[in-house]
Amino acid sequence: MNREKQKEHRKKMTRVAPDSIDLSVQREIARRAYEIYLERGEVLGHEMEDWFQAERGDSEGRATVNGDGGG
């Protein structure tokens, strides 16, 4: 893989959420996903599950990306 392709690939792989999501929403989801991780007992290997759960606003009725779920 040439350097440009490597840079592009690395950039894609380091994204936390799609660019279409507001940065403040991304931060809130990341914060909630981290809380879920801590509640789980800091068990590794569930990063995506924690992220999706945070997006949905599961548990505690937190706001979701679409603004649903209260909060």
C-alpha atoms as a PDB file:
ATOM      1  CA  MET A   1       0.000   0.000   0.000  1.00  0.00           C
ATOM      2  CA  ASN A   2       1.469   3.375  -0.908  1.00  0.00           C
ATOM      3  CA  ARG A   3       1.755   6.189   1.652  1.00  0.00           C
ATOM      4  CA  GLU A   4      -1.314   8.112   0.473  1.00  0.00           C
ATOM      5  CA  LYS A   5      -3.501   5.030   0.683  1.00  0.00           C
ATOM      6  CA  GLN A   6      -2.065   4.217   4.121  1.00  0.00           C
ATOM      7  CA  LYS A   7      -2.866   7.737   5.371  1.00  0.00           C
ATOM      8  CA  GLU A   8      -6.388   7.523   3.966  1.00  0.00           C
ATOM      9  CA  HIS A   9      -6.927   4.094   5.499  1.00  0.00           C
ATOM     10  CA  ARG A  10      -5.578   5.230   8.888  1.00  0.00           C
ATOM     11  CA  LYS A  11      -7.822   8.301   8.814  1.00  0.00           C
ATOM     12  CA  LYS A  12     -10.894   6.154   8.137  1.00  0.00           C
ATOM     13  CA  MET A  13     -10.003   3.682  10.870  1.00  0.00           C
ATOM     14  CA  THR A  14      -9.553   6.334  13.566  1.00  0.00           C
ATOM     15  CA  ARG A  15     -12.997   7.894  13.185  1.00  0.00           C
ATOM     16  CA  VAL A  16     -15.289   7.392  16.130  1.00  0.00           C
ATOM     17  CA  ALA A  17     -18.534   8.306  14.405  1.00  0.00           C
ATOM     18  CA  PRO A  18     -19.750   9.402  10.993  1.00  0.00           C
ATOM     19  CA  ASP A  19     -18.939  12.982   9.999  1.00  0.00           C
ATOM     20  CA  SER A  20     -22.650  13.698   9.695  1.00  0.00           C
ATOM     21  CA  ILE A  21     -23.054  13.591  13.492  1.00  0.00           C
ATOM     22  CA  ASP A  22     -22.522  16.896  15.302  1.00  0.00           C
ATOM     23  CA  LEU A  23     -19.275  16.934  17.323  1.00  0.00           C
ATOM     24  CA  SER A  24     -21.106  17.710  20.579  1.00  0.00           C
ATOM     25  CA  VAL A  25     -23.373  14.701  19.988  1.00  0.00           C
ATOM     26  CA  GLN A  26     -20.327  12.527  19.284  1.00  0.00           C
ATOM     27  CA  ARG A  27     -18.801  13.632  22.579  1.00  0.00           C
ATOM     28  CA  GLU A  28     -22.004  12.869  24.491  1.00  0.00           C
ATOM     29  CA  ILE A  29     -22.233   9.417  22.917  1.00  0.00           C
ATOM     30  CA  ALA A  30     -18.564   8.759  23.684  1.00  0.00           C
ATOM     31  CA  ARG A  31     -19.051   9.888  27.285  1.00  0.00           C
ATOM     32  CA  ARG A  32     -22.089   7.641  27.715  1.00  0.00           C
ATOM     33  CA  ALA A  33     -20.333   4.692  26.017  1.00  0.00           C
ATOM     34  CA  TYR A  34     -17.478   5.123  28.489  1.00  0.00           C
ATOM     35  CA  GLU A  35     -19.962   5.136  31.382  1.00  0.00           C
ATOM     36  CA  ILE A  36     -21.451   1.896  30.039  1.00  0.00           C
ATOM     37  CA  TYR A  37     -17.932   0.426  29.843  1.00  0.00           C
ATOM     38  CA  LEU A  38     -17.319   1.373  33.479  1.00  0.00           C
ATOM     39  CA  GLU A  39     -20.700  -0.031  34.556  1.00  0.00           C
ATOM     40  CA  ARG A  40     -19.788  -3.276  32.788  1.00  0.00           C
ATOM     41  CA  GLY A  41     -16.711  -3.530  35.017  1.00  0.00           C
ATOM     42  CA  GLU A  42     -14.177  -2.235  32.479  1.00  0.00           C
ATOM     43  CA  VAL A  43     -14.407  -5.437  30.447  1.00  0.00           C
ATOM     44  CA  LEU A  44     -12.689  -4.997  27.084  1.00  0.00           C
ATOM     45  CA  GLY A  45     -14.113  -6.165  23.775  1.00  0.00           C
ATOM     46  CA  HIS A  46     -17.534  -4.497  23.857  1.00  0.00           C
ATOM     47  CA  GLU A  47     -16.626  -1.091  22.416  1.00  0.00           C
ATOM     48  CA  MET A  48     -19.051  -1.217  19.490  1.00  0.00           C
ATOM     49  CA  GLU A  49     -21.873  -2.603  21.601  1.00  0.00           C
ATOM     50  CA  ASP A  50     -21.323   0.168  24.186  1.00  0.00           C
ATOM     51  CA  TRP A  51     -21.263   2.804  21.437  1.00  0.00           C
ATOM     52  CA  PHE A  52     -24.492   1.565  19.838  1.00  0.00           C
ATOM     53  CA  GLN A  53     -26.187   1.322  23.228  1.00  0.00           C
ATOM     54  CA  ALA A  54     -25.143   4.912  23.946  1.00  0.00           C
ATOM     55  CA  GLU A  55     -26.464   6.009  20.532  1.00  0.00           C
ATOM     56  CA  ARG A  56     -29.818   4.381  21.201  1.00  0.00           C
ATOM     57  CA  GLY A  57     -29.951   5.978  24.630  1.00  0.00           C
ATOM     58  CA  ASP A  58     -30.557   2.627  26.315  1.00  0.00           C
ATOM     59  CA  SER A  59     -30.795   2.749  30.096  1.00  0.00           C
ATOM     60  CA  GLU A  60     -31.563   5.878  32.026  1.00  0.00           C
ATOM     61  CA  GLY A  61     -33.542   7.305  29.065  1.00  0.00           C
ATOM     62  CA  ARG A  62     -30.656   9.378  27.759  1.00  0.00           C
ATOM     63  CA  ALA A  63     -31.082  11.421  24.582  1.00  0.00           C
ATOM     64  CA  THR A  64     -30.153   9.730  21.324  1.00  0.00           C
ATOM     65  CA  VAL A  65     -28.584  11.012  18.140  1.00  0.00           C
ATOM     66  CA  ASN A  66     -32.061  11.644  16.720  1.00  0.00           C
ATOM     67  CA  GLY A  67     -33.161  13.512  19.845  1.00  0.00           C
ATOM     68  CA  ASP A  68     -35.437  10.688  21.003  1.00  0.00           C
ATOM     69  CA  GLY A  69     -35.456   9.105  24.422  1.00  0.00           C
ATOM     70  CA  GLY A  70     -35.877  12.120  26.684  1.00  0.00           C
ATOM     71  CA  GLY A  71     -33.004  13.719  28.512  1.00  0.00           C
END
